Amino acid sequence: MAKRAFITGITGQDGSYLAELLLLKGYEVHGLIRRASTFNTSRIDHLYVDPHEAEVKLFLHYGDMSDGARMMGLLSQIQPDEVYNLAAQSHVRVSFDEPIHTGNTTGIGSARLLEAVRTIGLGTRFYQASSSEMFGGTPPPQNEETPFYPRSPYGAAKVYSYWMTRNYREAYGMYAVNGILFNHESPRRGATFVTRKITRAVAAILAGKQQDLFLGNLDAVRDWGYAAEYVEGMWRMLQADSSDDYVLATGRAFSVRDFLEFAFDHAGLDWRRHVHFDERYLRPTEVDALVGDASKAKELLDWSASVTSPELAGIMVDADVAALASSDGKWIDKVSLNTWVSTPAWDIQQ
């Protein structure tokens, strides 16, 4: 029988790539989505299959990380072999504005899901999406043994989830892993994240739709990889003989200024003519440098990143140029009117 996976955060960047990967590997995939009055499934609409015409492999269920009872009910119904917890309030700057919400979803939400897995007792393998933001103020390079020093409510919530995952592994013998992923981007990255904000601006400037781009700290150093590669690492963590924690990273350091240069140069533009400083984009506490050491993942999982920041910037610029051209300059995300949801049967049509 095909393996069955449950993904929280399936409509996000990582969730959409992971769903694609698992479907290609023959999995039956179940995803958690929040109920909304507007369409919020644009990243996975291309995976839609009409249940009247073909065998269905992708199932979507309404739910929320703040509802532990719902998590319990869904896992009991689905009985997944693997659970990937990717759901979070994941914007670091926004976490300063919404620290309670961030803690409730990004932090305690993970505990609710872990407890549901433990209580049902299915032998399910559990993946927790941990973050390089947990290292915060600790100098790079950072690996699995580096002390945590979070510098944001988001980072602090991820530290809580990390230790809860380890605690459930050690206390109950659960197969539970932490994937400590450094920054990973793609054309599916949310528009308010700095890399996508930059590449969208490049496309808009080329199209004559925009002239200026306002950013905060250009000196912050990050280790940017390609999200489509990182989900393969997530999957490999759950295929290992025993559960452990792994860093996924490229090991290469670039500043926001560097990424600006890569993106604008790719389009033949001079970023200095368009980029301006705005202190409103500064964080109350900054993280100066995050650069990962993924040696353990290379040795034990045979995983390594091949796309680094210069290539990634080009991939994202090209995608945004094409997206803007195909939407008549209006930045309208493609939405399928055939998107549908199961709660729990295929009986709700949007």
C-alpha atoms as a PDB file:
ATOM      1  CA  MET A   1       0.000   0.000   0.000  1.00  0.00           C
ATOM      2  CA  ALA A   2       1.091   3.575  -0.625  1.00  0.00           C
ATOM      3  CA  LYS A   3       2.476   5.490   2.305  1.00  0.00           C
ATOM      4  CA  ARG A   4       0.220   8.164   3.757  1.00  0.00           C
ATOM      5  CA  ALA A   5       1.539  11.581   4.802  1.00  0.00           C
ATOM      6  CA  PHE A   6      -0.088  14.481   6.662  1.00  0.00           C
ATOM      7  CA  ILE A   7       1.315  17.986   6.051  1.00  0.00           C
ATOM      8  CA  THR A   8       0.439  21.049   8.095  1.00  0.00           C
ATOM      9  CA  GLY A   9       1.219  24.247   6.221  1.00  0.00           C
ATOM     10  CA  ILE A  10       0.645  22.513   2.891  1.00  0.00           C
ATOM     11  CA  THR A  11      -0.417  25.765   1.200  1.00  0.00           C
ATOM     12  CA  GLY A  12       2.902  27.437   2.020  1.00  0.00           C
ATOM     13  CA  GLN A  13       6.108  27.466   0.026  1.00  0.00           C
ATOM     14  CA  ASP A  14       7.611  24.366   1.640  1.00  0.00           C
ATOM     15  CA  GLY A  15       4.309  22.540   1.914  1.00  0.00           C
ATOM     16  CA  SER A  16       3.606  22.858  -1.800  1.00  0.00           C
ATOM     17  CA  TYR A  17       7.037  21.554  -2.808  1.00  0.00           C
ATOM     18  CA  LEU A  18       6.826  18.736  -0.276  1.00  0.00           C
ATOM     19  CA  ALA A  19       3.364  17.719  -1.516  1.00  0.00           C
ATOM     20  CA  GLU A  20       4.714  17.556  -5.078  1.00  0.00           C
ATOM     21  CA  LEU A  21       7.654  15.443  -3.977  1.00  0.00           C
ATOM     22  CA  LEU A  22       5.573  12.976  -1.984  1.00  0.00           C
ATOM     23  CA  LEU A  23       2.994  12.595  -4.745  1.00  0.00           C
ATOM     24  CA  LEU A  24       5.802  11.814  -7.193  1.00  0.00           C
ATOM     25  CA  LYS A  25       7.002   9.163  -4.761  1.00  0.00           C
ATOM     26  CA  GLY A  26       3.560   7.555  -4.763  1.00  0.00           C
ATOM     27  CA  TYR A  27       2.310   8.814  -1.415  1.00  0.00           C
ATOM     28  CA  GLU A  28      -1.271   9.566  -0.504  1.00  0.00           C
ATOM     29  CA  VAL A  29      -0.999  13.133   0.789  1.00  0.00           C
ATOM     30  CA  HIS A  30      -3.281  14.848   3.291  1.00  0.00           C
ATOM     31  CA  GLY A  31      -2.908  18.552   4.029  1.00  0.00           C
ATOM     32  CA  LEU A  32      -4.235  20.942   6.652  1.00  0.00           C
ATOM     33  CA  ILE A  33      -5.615  24.276   5.478  1.00  0.00           C
ATOM     34  CA  ARG A  34      -7.284  27.133   7.333  1.00  0.00           C
ATOM     35  CA  ARG A  35     -10.796  28.146   6.404  1.00  0.00           C
ATOM     36  CA  ALA A  36     -10.859  31.518   4.664  1.00  0.00           C
ATOM     37  CA  SER A  37     -13.321  33.550   2.634  1.00  0.00           C
ATOM     38  CA  THR A  38     -10.734  33.925  -0.112  1.00  0.00           C
ATOM     39  CA  PHE A  39      -8.813  31.280  -2.023  1.00  0.00           C
ATOM     40  CA  ASN A  40      -5.589  30.361  -0.221  1.00  0.00           C
ATOM     41  CA  THR A  41      -4.488  27.302  -2.174  1.00  0.00           C
ATOM     42  CA  SER A  42      -2.788  28.906  -5.191  1.00  0.00           C
ATOM     43  CA  ARG A  43       0.543  27.147  -4.556  1.00  0.00           C
ATOM     44  CA  ILE A  44      -1.049  23.690  -4.787  1.00  0.00           C
ATOM     45  CA  ASP A  45      -3.844  24.256  -7.307  1.00  0.00           C
ATOM     46  CA  HIS A  46      -1.760  22.611 -10.026  1.00  0.00           C
ATOM     47  CA  LEU A  47      -1.885  19.377  -8.006  1.00  0.00           C
ATOM     48  CA  TYR A  48      -5.680  19.251  -8.180  1.00  0.00           C
ATOM     49  CA  VAL A  49      -7.230  16.126  -9.652  1.00  0.00           C
ATOM     50  CA  ASP A  50     -10.955  15.899 -10.404  1.00  0.00           C
ATOM     51  CA  PRO A  51     -12.170  13.032  -8.192  1.00  0.00           C
ATOM     52  CA  HIS A  52     -14.747  12.131 -10.837  1.00  0.00           C
ATOM     53  CA  GLU A  53     -12.099  11.526 -13.487  1.00  0.00           C
ATOM     54  CA  ALA A  54      -9.025  10.077 -11.776  1.00  0.00           C
ATOM     55  CA  GLU A  55      -7.746   8.408  -8.654  1.00  0.00           C
ATOM     56  CA  VAL A  56      -7.325  10.988  -5.910  1.00  0.00           C
ATOM     57  CA  LYS A  57      -4.000  11.160  -4.079  1.00  0.00           C
ATOM     58  CA  LEU A  58      -4.251  14.631  -2.504  1.00  0.00           C
ATOM     59  CA  PHE A  59      -6.759  15.355   0.265  1.00  0.00           C
ATOM     60  CA  LEU A  60      -7.213  18.699   2.023  1.00  0.00           C
ATOM     61  CA  HIS A  61      -8.795  19.150   5.436  1.00  0.00           C
ATOM     62  CA  TYR A  62      -9.881  22.264   7.304  1.00  0.00           C
ATOM     63  CA  GLY A  63      -8.208  22.828  10.646  1.00  0.00           C
ATOM     64  CA  ASP A  64      -6.005  25.103  12.717  1.00  0.00           C
ATOM     65  CA  MET A  65      -2.901  24.615  14.837  1.00  0.00           C
ATOM     66  CA  SER A  66      -4.700  26.197  17.775  1.00  0.00           C
ATOM     67  CA  ASP A  67      -7.271  23.346  17.856  1.00  0.00           C
ATOM     68  CA  GLY A  68      -5.775  20.275  19.492  1.00  0.00           C
ATOM     69  CA  ALA A  69      -9.028  18.315  19.357  1.00  0.00           C
ATOM     70  CA  ARG A  70      -9.183  18.769  15.598  1.00  0.00           C
ATOM     71  CA  MET A  71      -5.598  17.518  15.268  1.00  0.00           C
ATOM     72  CA  MET A  72      -6.499  14.451  17.295  1.00  0.00           C
ATOM     73  CA  GLY A  73      -9.555  13.730  15.167  1.00  0.00           C
ATOM     74  CA  LEU A  74      -7.770  14.181  11.857  1.00  0.00           C
ATOM     75  CA  LEU A  75      -4.842  11.937  12.762  1.00  0.00           C
ATOM     76  CA  SER A  76      -7.203   9.270  14.046  1.00  0.00           C
ATOM     77  CA  GLN A  77      -9.100   9.406  10.766  1.00  0.00           C
ATOM     78  CA  ILE A  78      -6.127   9.645   8.392  1.00  0.00           C
ATOM     79  CA  GLN A  79      -3.719   7.354  10.282  1.00  0.00           C
ATOM     80  CA  PRO A  80      -0.630   8.736   8.528  1.00  0.00           C
ATOM     81  CA  ASP A  81       2.730   7.009   8.291  1.00  0.00           C
ATOM     82  CA  GLU A  82       4.464  10.395   8.343  1.00  0.00           C
ATOM     83  CA  VAL A  83       3.540  13.810   9.737  1.00  0.00           C
ATOM     84  CA  TYR A  84       5.326  16.944   8.539  1.00  0.00           C
ATOM     85  CA  ASN A  85       4.665  19.969  10.747  1.00  0.00           C
ATOM     86  CA  LEU A  86       5.400  22.975   8.536  1.00  0.00           C
ATOM     87  CA  ALA A  87       2.638  25.258   9.822  1.00  0.00           C
ATOM     88  CA  ALA A  88       3.695  28.464  11.559  1.00  0.00           C
ATOM     89  CA  GLN A  89       3.367  32.204  11.727  1.00  0.00           C
ATOM     90  CA  SER A  90       6.688  32.306   9.920  1.00  0.00           C
ATOM     91  CA  HIS A  91       7.449  35.977   9.333  1.00  0.00           C
ATOM     92  CA  VAL A  92      10.154  37.038  11.788  1.00  0.00           C
ATOM     93  CA  ARG A  93       9.392  40.777  11.690  1.00  0.00           C
ATOM     94  CA  VAL A  94       5.651  40.160  12.125  1.00  0.00           C
ATOM     95  CA  SER A  95       6.361  37.986  15.184  1.00  0.00           C
ATOM     96  CA  PHE A  96       7.380  41.135  17.074  1.00  0.00           C
ATOM     97  CA  ASP A  97       3.939  42.588  16.345  1.00  0.00           C
ATOM     98  CA  GLU A  98       2.083  39.342  17.111  1.00  0.00           C
ATOM     99  CA  PRO A  99       4.168  37.528  19.744  1.00  0.00           C
ATOM    100  CA  ILE A 100       1.226  35.781  21.422  1.00  0.00           C
ATOM    101  CA  HIS A 101      -0.231  34.474  18.166  1.00  0.00           C
ATOM    102  CA  THR A 102       3.247  33.385  17.052  1.00  0.00           C
ATOM    103  CA  GLY A 103       3.812  31.500  20.302  1.00  0.00           C
ATOM    104  CA  ASN A 104       0.398  29.844  20.132  1.00  0.00           C
ATOM    105  CA  THR A 105       0.743  28.571  16.564  1.00  0.00           C
ATOM    106  CA  THR A 106       4.470  28.259  15.920  1.00  0.00           C
ATOM    107  CA  GLY A 107       5.276  27.005  19.407  1.00  0.00           C
ATOM    108  CA  ILE A 108       2.369  25.435  21.265  1.00  0.00           C
ATOM    109  CA  GLY A 109       0.775  24.282  18.006  1.00  0.00           C
ATOM    110  CA  SER A 110       3.673  21.861  17.599  1.00  0.00           C
ATOM    111  CA  ALA A 111       3.046  20.471  21.088  1.00  0.00           C
ATOM    112  CA  ARG A 112      -0.620  19.904  20.244  1.00  0.00           C
ATOM    113  CA  LEU A 113       0.365  17.931  17.168  1.00  0.00           C
ATOM    114  CA  LEU A 114       3.016  15.925  18.994  1.00  0.00           C
ATOM    115  CA  GLU A 115       0.539  15.034  21.715  1.00  0.00           C
ATOM    116  CA  ALA A 116      -2.001  13.936  19.116  1.00  0.00           C
ATOM    117  CA  VAL A 117       0.592  11.658  17.479  1.00  0.00           C
ATOM    118  CA  ARG A 118       1.598  10.221  20.857  1.00  0.00           C
ATOM    119  CA  THR A 119      -1.955   9.681  22.093  1.00  0.00           C
ATOM    120  CA  ILE A 120      -3.148   7.908  18.963  1.00  0.00           C
ATOM    121  CA  GLY A 121      -0.055   5.702  19.028  1.00  0.00           C
ATOM    122  CA  LEU A 122       0.196   4.871  15.337  1.00  0.00           C
ATOM    123  CA  GLY A 123       3.966   4.577  15.163  1.00  0.00           C
ATOM    124  CA  THR A 124       3.887   7.676  12.981  1.00  0.00           C
ATOM    125  CA  ARG A 125       7.158   9.362  12.073  1.00  0.00           C
ATOM    126  CA  PHE A 126       7.136  13.084  12.913  1.00  0.00           C
ATOM    127  CA  TYR A 127       9.032  15.940  11.258  1.00  0.00           C
ATOM    128  CA  GLN A 128       9.276  19.324  12.993  1.00  0.00           C
ATOM    129  CA  ALA A 129      10.230  22.326  10.868  1.00  0.00           C
ATOM    130  CA  SER A 130      12.832  23.990  13.049  1.00  0.00           C
ATOM    131  CA  SER A 131      14.664  27.125  11.981  1.00  0.00           C
ATOM    132  CA  SER A 132      18.078  28.745  11.847  1.00  0.00           C
ATOM    133  CA  GLU A 133      16.433  31.691  13.643  1.00  0.00           C
ATOM    134  CA  MET A 134      16.804  29.597  16.806  1.00  0.00           C
ATOM    135  CA  PHE A 135      20.553  30.356  16.704  1.00  0.00           C
ATOM    136  CA  GLY A 136      19.925  34.096  16.492  1.00  0.00           C
ATOM    137  CA  GLY A 137      22.844  35.830  18.164  1.00  0.00           C
ATOM    138  CA  THR A 138      25.198  32.832  18.225  1.00  0.00           C
ATOM    139  CA  PRO A 139      28.103  33.406  15.778  1.00  0.00           C
ATOM    140  CA  PRO A 140      28.319  31.231  12.639  1.00  0.00           C
ATOM    141  CA  PRO A 141      28.921  28.671  11.379  1.00  0.00           C
ATOM    142  CA  GLN A 142      26.022  26.953  13.142  1.00  0.00           C
ATOM    143  CA  ASN A 143      25.415  23.217  13.292  1.00  0.00           C
ATOM    144  CA  GLU A 144      23.395  20.731  15.354  1.00  0.00           C
ATOM    145  CA  GLU A 145      25.576  21.342  18.452  1.00  0.00           C
ATOM    146  CA  THR A 146      25.479  25.160  18.351  1.00  0.00           C
ATOM    147  CA  PRO A 147      23.752  26.791  21.369  1.00  0.00           C
ATOM    148  CA  PHE A 148      20.475  28.582  20.690  1.00  0.00           C
ATOM    149  CA  TYR A 149      20.140  32.328  21.232  1.00  0.00           C
ATOM    150  CA  PRO A 150      16.836  33.384  19.591  1.00  0.00           C
ATOM    151  CA  ARG A 151      16.418  37.078  18.883  1.00  0.00           C
ATOM    152  CA  SER A 152      12.726  37.180  18.001  1.00  0.00           C
ATOM    153  CA  PRO A 153       9.405  35.771  19.232  1.00  0.00           C
ATOM    154  CA  TYR A 154       9.465  33.536  16.155  1.00  0.00           C
ATOM    155  CA  GLY A 155      12.893  32.175  17.038  1.00  0.00           C
ATOM    156  CA  ALA A 156      11.858  31.629  20.656  1.00  0.00           C
ATOM    157  CA  ALA A 157       8.706  29.763  19.593  1.00  0.00           C
ATOM    158  CA  LYS A 158      10.776  27.532  17.316  1.00  0.00           C
ATOM    159  CA  VAL A 159      13.149  26.742  20.187  1.00  0.00           C
ATOM    160  CA  TYR A 160      10.158  25.600  22.249  1.00  0.00           C
ATOM    161  CA  SER A 161       8.997  23.361  19.399  1.00  0.00           C
ATOM    162  CA  TYR A 162      12.515  21.985  18.952  1.00  0.00           C
ATOM    163  CA  TRP A 163      12.830  20.930  22.592  1.00  0.00           C
ATOM    164  CA  MET A 164       9.304  19.536  22.714  1.00  0.00           C
ATOM    165  CA  THR A 165      10.127  17.366  19.698  1.00  0.00           C
ATOM    166  CA  ARG A 166      13.297  16.097  21.355  1.00  0.00           C
ATOM    167  CA  ASN A 167      11.437  15.537  24.618  1.00  0.00           C
ATOM    168  CA  TYR A 168       8.766  13.414  22.948  1.00  0.00           C
ATOM    169  CA  ARG A 169      11.479  11.420  21.178  1.00  0.00           C
ATOM    170  CA  GLU A 170      13.402  10.776  24.390  1.00  0.00           C
ATOM    171  CA  ALA A 171      10.449  10.352  26.768  1.00  0.00           C
ATOM    172  CA  TYR A 172       8.134   8.247  24.613  1.00  0.00           C
ATOM    173  CA  GLY A 173      10.437   6.661  22.049  1.00  0.00           C
ATOM    174  CA  MET A 174       8.696   8.473  19.196  1.00  0.00           C
ATOM    175  CA  TYR A 175      10.373   8.760  15.821  1.00  0.00           C
ATOM    176  CA  ALA A 176      10.566  12.548  15.890  1.00  0.00           C
ATOM    177  CA  VAL A 177      13.128  14.698  14.098  1.00  0.00           C
ATOM    178  CA  ASN A 178      13.989  18.391  13.901  1.00  0.00           C
ATOM    179  CA  GLY A 179      14.965  19.725  10.512  1.00  0.00           C
ATOM    180  CA  ILE A 180      16.912  22.910  11.279  1.00  0.00           C
ATOM    181  CA  LEU A 181      16.615  24.600   7.920  1.00  0.00           C
ATOM    182  CA  PHE A 182      18.511  27.742   7.070  1.00  0.00           C
ATOM    183  CA  ASN A 183      16.861  30.326   4.830  1.00  0.00           C
ATOM    184  CA  HIS A 184      15.410  28.672   1.744  1.00  0.00           C
ATOM    185  CA  GLU A 185      13.616  30.608  -0.953  1.00  0.00           C
ATOM    186  CA  SER A 186      11.870  30.132  -4.292  1.00  0.00           C
ATOM    187  CA  PRO A 187       9.416  31.796  -6.678  1.00  0.00           C
ATOM    188  CA  ARG A 188       6.723  30.566  -4.248  1.00  0.00           C
ATOM    189  CA  ARG A 189       8.113  32.570  -1.336  1.00  0.00           C
ATOM    190  CA  GLY A 190       5.654  35.016   0.223  1.00  0.00           C
ATOM    191  CA  ALA A 191       5.807  38.529  -1.213  1.00  0.00           C
ATOM    192  CA  THR A 192       6.691  40.156   2.142  1.00  0.00           C
ATOM    193  CA  PHE A 193       9.914  38.158   2.618  1.00  0.00           C
ATOM    194  CA  VAL A 194      12.991  40.152   1.635  1.00  0.00           C
ATOM    195  CA  THR A 195      14.227  37.893  -1.187  1.00  0.00           C
ATOM    196  CA  ARG A 196      10.857  37.813  -2.933  1.00  0.00           C
ATOM    197  CA  LYS A 197      10.316  41.500  -2.257  1.00  0.00           C
ATOM    198  CA  ILE A 198      13.565  42.132  -4.109  1.00  0.00           C
ATOM    199  CA  THR A 199      12.860  39.882  -7.096  1.00  0.00           C
ATOM    200  CA  ARG A 200       9.294  41.156  -7.479  1.00  0.00           C
ATOM    201  CA  ALA A 201      10.652  44.713  -7.464  1.00  0.00           C
ATOM    202  CA  VAL A 202      13.146  43.823 -10.189  1.00  0.00           C
ATOM    203  CA  ALA A 203      10.332  42.472 -12.372  1.00  0.00           C
ATOM    204  CA  ALA A 204       8.153  45.518 -11.696  1.00  0.00           C
ATOM    205  CA  ILE A 205      11.000  47.945 -12.475  1.00  0.00           C
ATOM    206  CA  LEU A 206      11.707  46.168 -15.742  1.00  0.00           C
ATOM    207  CA  ALA A 207       8.022  46.445 -16.618  1.00  0.00           C
ATOM    208  CA  GLY A 208       7.896  50.131 -15.731  1.00  0.00           C
ATOM    209  CA  LYS A 209       5.463  49.495 -12.905  1.00  0.00           C
ATOM    210  CA  GLN A 210       7.770  50.531 -10.062  1.00  0.00           C
ATOM    211  CA  GLN A 211      10.822  52.719  -9.546  1.00  0.00           C
ATOM    212  CA  ASP A 212      11.732  52.497  -5.866  1.00  0.00           C
ATOM    213  CA  LEU A 213      12.288  49.675  -3.388  1.00  0.00           C
ATOM    214  CA  PHE A 214      12.458  50.341   0.360  1.00  0.00           C
ATOM    215  CA  LEU A 215      14.383  47.942   2.590  1.00  0.00           C
ATOM    216  CA  GLY A 216      15.852  47.805   6.087  1.00  0.00           C
ATOM    217  CA  ASN A 217      19.158  46.233   7.121  1.00  0.00           C
ATOM    218  CA  LEU A 218      21.266  45.431   4.054  1.00  0.00           C
ATOM    219  CA  ASP A 219      24.185  44.101   6.089  1.00  0.00           C
ATOM    220  CA  ALA A 220      22.392  41.043   7.518  1.00  0.00           C
ATOM    221  CA  VAL A 221      24.152  37.864   6.357  1.00  0.00           C
ATOM    222  CA  ARG A 222      22.187  34.749   5.491  1.00  0.00           C
ATOM    223  CA  ASP A 223      22.639  31.292   4.001  1.00  0.00           C
ATOM    224  CA  TRP A 224      20.010  31.180   1.237  1.00  0.00           C
ATOM    225  CA  GLY A 225      19.147  27.895  -0.478  1.00  0.00           C
ATOM    226  CA  TYR A 226      16.466  26.655  -2.854  1.00  0.00           C
ATOM    227  CA  ALA A 227      13.301  25.405  -1.140  1.00  0.00           C
ATOM    228  CA  ALA A 228      12.609  22.741  -3.771  1.00  0.00           C
ATOM    229  CA  GLU A 229      15.884  21.033  -2.781  1.00  0.00           C
ATOM    230  CA  TYR A 230      15.300  21.324   0.955  1.00  0.00           C
ATOM    231  CA  VAL A 231      12.061  19.321   0.990  1.00  0.00           C
ATOM    232  CA  GLU A 232      14.041  16.321  -0.271  1.00  0.00           C
ATOM    233  CA  GLY A 233      16.110  16.656   2.893  1.00  0.00           C
ATOM    234  CA  MET A 234      12.964  16.704   5.012  1.00  0.00           C
ATOM    235  CA  TRP A 235      11.794  13.465   3.452  1.00  0.00           C
ATOM    236  CA  ARG A 236      15.172  11.801   3.875  1.00  0.00           C
ATOM    237  CA  MET A 237      15.145  12.578   7.594  1.00  0.00           C
ATOM    238  CA  LEU A 238      12.033  10.426   8.005  1.00  0.00           C
ATOM    239  CA  GLN A 239      13.498   7.539   5.992  1.00  0.00           C
ATOM    240  CA  ALA A 240      16.567   7.063   8.213  1.00  0.00           C
ATOM    241  CA  ASP A 241      16.811   4.028  10.485  1.00  0.00           C
ATOM    242  CA  SER A 242      16.695   6.178  13.627  1.00  0.00           C
ATOM    243  CA  SER A 243      15.448   9.655  14.403  1.00  0.00           C
ATOM    244  CA  ASP A 244      17.845  12.548  14.888  1.00  0.00           C
ATOM    245  CA  ASP A 245      18.156  16.279  14.228  1.00  0.00           C
ATOM    246  CA  TYR A 246      19.769  17.762  11.123  1.00  0.00           C
ATOM    247  CA  VAL A 247      20.852  21.131   9.764  1.00  0.00           C
ATOM    248  CA  LEU A 248      20.109  21.814   6.082  1.00  0.00           C
ATOM    249  CA  ALA A 249      22.097  24.682   4.578  1.00  0.00           C
ATOM    250  CA  THR A 250      24.355  25.647   1.678  1.00  0.00           C
ATOM    251  CA  GLY A 251      27.240  26.717   3.912  1.00  0.00           C
ATOM    252  CA  ARG A 252      27.704  29.928   1.914  1.00  0.00           C
ATOM    253  CA  ALA A 253      27.264  33.412   3.360  1.00  0.00           C
ATOM    254  CA  PHE A 254      25.764  36.366   1.513  1.00  0.00           C
ATOM    255  CA  SER A 255      24.377  39.685   2.717  1.00  0.00           C
ATOM    256  CA  VAL A 256      21.074  41.230   1.721  1.00  0.00           C
ATOM    257  CA  ARG A 257      23.160  43.681  -0.287  1.00  0.00           C
ATOM    258  CA  ASP A 258      24.736  40.744  -2.134  1.00  0.00           C
ATOM    259  CA  PHE A 259      21.326  39.312  -2.967  1.00  0.00           C
ATOM    260  CA  LEU A 260      20.271  42.730  -4.258  1.00  0.00           C
ATOM    261  CA  GLU A 261      23.266  42.781  -6.573  1.00  0.00           C
ATOM    262  CA  PHE A 262      22.624  39.253  -7.842  1.00  0.00           C
ATOM    263  CA  ALA A 263      18.951  39.980  -8.581  1.00  0.00           C
ATOM    264  CA  PHE A 264      19.388  43.401 -10.176  1.00  0.00           C
ATOM    265  CA  ASP A 265      22.496  42.388 -12.137  1.00  0.00           C
ATOM    266  CA  HIS A 266      20.588  39.401 -13.528  1.00  0.00           C
ATOM    267  CA  ALA A 267      18.144  41.874 -15.053  1.00  0.00           C
ATOM    268  CA  GLY A 268      20.821  44.350 -16.170  1.00  0.00           C
ATOM    269  CA  LEU A 269      19.840  46.935 -13.552  1.00  0.00           C
ATOM    270  CA  ASP A 270      21.803  48.957 -10.977  1.00  0.00           C
ATOM    271  CA  TRP A 271      20.193  48.416  -7.581  1.00  0.00           C
ATOM    272  CA  ARG A 272      21.711  51.632  -6.191  1.00  0.00           C
ATOM    273  CA  ARG A 273      19.401  53.682  -8.408  1.00  0.00           C
ATOM    274  CA  HIS A 274      16.280  52.116  -6.938  1.00  0.00           C
ATOM    275  CA  VAL A 275      16.854  50.905  -3.368  1.00  0.00           C
ATOM    276  CA  HIS A 276      16.287  53.160  -0.355  1.00  0.00           C
ATOM    277  CA  PHE A 277      16.551  52.642   3.398  1.00  0.00           C
ATOM    278  CA  ASP A 278      13.443  52.620   5.588  1.00  0.00           C
ATOM    279  CA  GLU A 279      13.947  52.143   9.329  1.00  0.00           C
ATOM    280  CA  ARG A 280      10.439  50.708   9.672  1.00  0.00           C
ATOM    281  CA  TYR A 281      11.772  47.446   8.261  1.00  0.00           C
ATOM    282  CA  LEU A 282      14.364  47.051  11.012  1.00  0.00           C
ATOM    283  CA  ARG A 283      13.761  44.450  13.707  1.00  0.00           C
ATOM    284  CA  PRO A 284      13.847  45.475  17.386  1.00  0.00           C
ATOM    285  CA  THR A 285      16.660  42.917  17.787  1.00  0.00           C
ATOM    286  CA  GLU A 286      18.688  42.031  14.724  1.00  0.00           C
ATOM    287  CA  VAL A 287      20.283  38.717  13.758  1.00  0.00           C
ATOM    288  CA  ASP A 288      23.598  39.581  12.155  1.00  0.00           C
ATOM    289  CA  ALA A 289      24.655  36.315  10.536  1.00  0.00           C
ATOM    290  CA  LEU A 290      23.236  32.824   9.987  1.00  0.00           C
ATOM    291  CA  VAL A 291      25.425  30.387   8.046  1.00  0.00           C
ATOM    292  CA  GLY A 292      24.857  26.658   8.369  1.00  0.00           C
ATOM    293  CA  ASP A 293      27.108  23.621   8.469  1.00  0.00           C
ATOM    294  CA  ALA A 294      25.195  20.706   6.917  1.00  0.00           C
ATOM    295  CA  SER A 295      28.025  18.161   7.189  1.00  0.00           C
ATOM    296  CA  LYS A 296      25.873  15.765   9.214  1.00  0.00           C
ATOM    297  CA  ALA A 297      23.114  15.725   6.591  1.00  0.00           C
ATOM    298  CA  LYS A 298      25.706  15.127   3.886  1.00  0.00           C
ATOM    299  CA  GLU A 299      27.253  12.213   5.764  1.00  0.00           C
ATOM    300  CA  LEU A 300      24.127  10.476   7.097  1.00  0.00           C
ATOM    301  CA  LEU A 301      21.426  11.463   4.588  1.00  0.00           C
ATOM    302  CA  ASP A 302      23.547  11.989   1.468  1.00  0.00           C
ATOM    303  CA  TRP A 303      21.907  15.403   1.126  1.00  0.00           C
ATOM    304  CA  SER A 304      23.591  18.607  -0.011  1.00  0.00           C
ATOM    305  CA  ALA A 305      22.459  21.848  -1.608  1.00  0.00           C
ATOM    306  CA  SER A 306      23.424  22.597  -5.204  1.00  0.00           C
ATOM    307  CA  VAL A 307      21.714  25.989  -5.676  1.00  0.00           C
ATOM    308  CA  THR A 308      23.148  28.962  -3.800  1.00  0.00           C
ATOM    309  CA  SER A 309      22.245  32.648  -3.666  1.00  0.00           C
ATOM    310  CA  PRO A 310      23.553  33.831  -7.065  1.00  0.00           C
ATOM    311  CA  GLU A 311      21.677  31.099  -8.974  1.00  0.00           C
ATOM    312  CA  LEU A 312      18.648  31.377  -6.709  1.00  0.00           C
ATOM    313  CA  ALA A 313      18.284  35.098  -7.347  1.00  0.00           C
ATOM    314  CA  GLY A 314      18.251  34.433 -11.090  1.00  0.00           C
ATOM    315  CA  ILE A 315      15.635  31.695 -10.766  1.00  0.00           C
ATOM    316  CA  MET A 316      13.367  33.977  -8.752  1.00  0.00           C
ATOM    317  CA  VAL A 317      13.814  37.026 -10.982  1.00  0.00           C
ATOM    318  CA  ASP A 318      13.019  35.016 -14.118  1.00  0.00           C
ATOM    319  CA  ALA A 319       9.896  33.573 -12.477  1.00  0.00           C
ATOM    320  CA  ASP A 320       8.667  36.977 -11.325  1.00  0.00           C
ATOM    321  CA  VAL A 321       9.296  38.571 -14.704  1.00  0.00           C
ATOM    322  CA  ALA A 322       7.247  35.799 -16.336  1.00  0.00           C
ATOM    323  CA  ALA A 323       4.501  36.008 -13.706  1.00  0.00           C
ATOM    324  CA  LEU A 324       4.125  39.762 -14.094  1.00  0.00           C
ATOM    325  CA  ALA A 325       4.054  39.517 -17.884  1.00  0.00           C
ATOM    326  CA  SER A 326       1.349  36.843 -17.801  1.00  0.00           C
ATOM    327  CA  SER A 327      -0.876  38.782 -15.397  1.00  0.00           C
ATOM    328  CA  ASP A 328      -0.925  42.059 -17.362  1.00  0.00           C
ATOM    329  CA  GLY A 329       1.079  43.814 -14.683  1.00  0.00           C
ATOM    330  CA  LYS A 330      -1.452  43.277 -11.886  1.00  0.00           C
ATOM    331  CA  TRP A 331       0.383  40.670  -9.743  1.00  0.00           C
ATOM    332  CA  ILE A 332      -2.696  38.484  -9.578  1.00  0.00           C
ATOM    333  CA  ASP A 333      -1.829  34.986  -8.386  1.00  0.00           C
ATOM    334  CA  LYS A 334      -3.259  32.206 -10.487  1.00  0.00           C
ATOM    335  CA  VAL A 335      -6.210  30.647  -8.658  1.00  0.00           C
ATOM    336  CA  SER A 336      -8.037  27.566  -9.815  1.00  0.00           C
ATOM    337  CA  LEU A 337     -11.799  27.697  -9.470  1.00  0.00           C
ATOM    338  CA  ASN A 338     -11.703  23.914  -9.141  1.00  0.00           C
ATOM    339  CA  THR A 339      -9.974  23.995  -5.762  1.00  0.00           C
ATOM    340  CA  TRP A 340     -11.840  21.784  -3.340  1.00  0.00           C
ATOM    341  CA  VAL A 341     -11.549  20.630   0.233  1.00  0.00           C
ATOM    342  CA  SER A 342     -12.439  17.581   2.247  1.00  0.00           C
ATOM    343  CA  THR A 343     -13.687  17.873   5.831  1.00  0.00           C
ATOM    344  CA  PRO A 344     -13.456  14.902   6.027  1.00  0.00           C
ATOM    345  CA  ALA A 345     -15.118  13.603   2.837  1.00  0.00           C
ATOM    346  CA  TRP A 346     -15.056  15.157  -0.634  1.00  0.00           C
ATOM    347  CA  ASP A 347     -18.274  17.011  -0.012  1.00  0.00           C
ATOM    348  CA  ILE A 348     -17.338  20.676   0.104  1.00  0.00           C
ATOM    349  CA  GLN A 349     -16.766  22.581  -3.118  1.00  0.00           C
ATOM    350  CA  GLN A 350     -15.286  26.057  -3.253  1.00  0.00           C
END
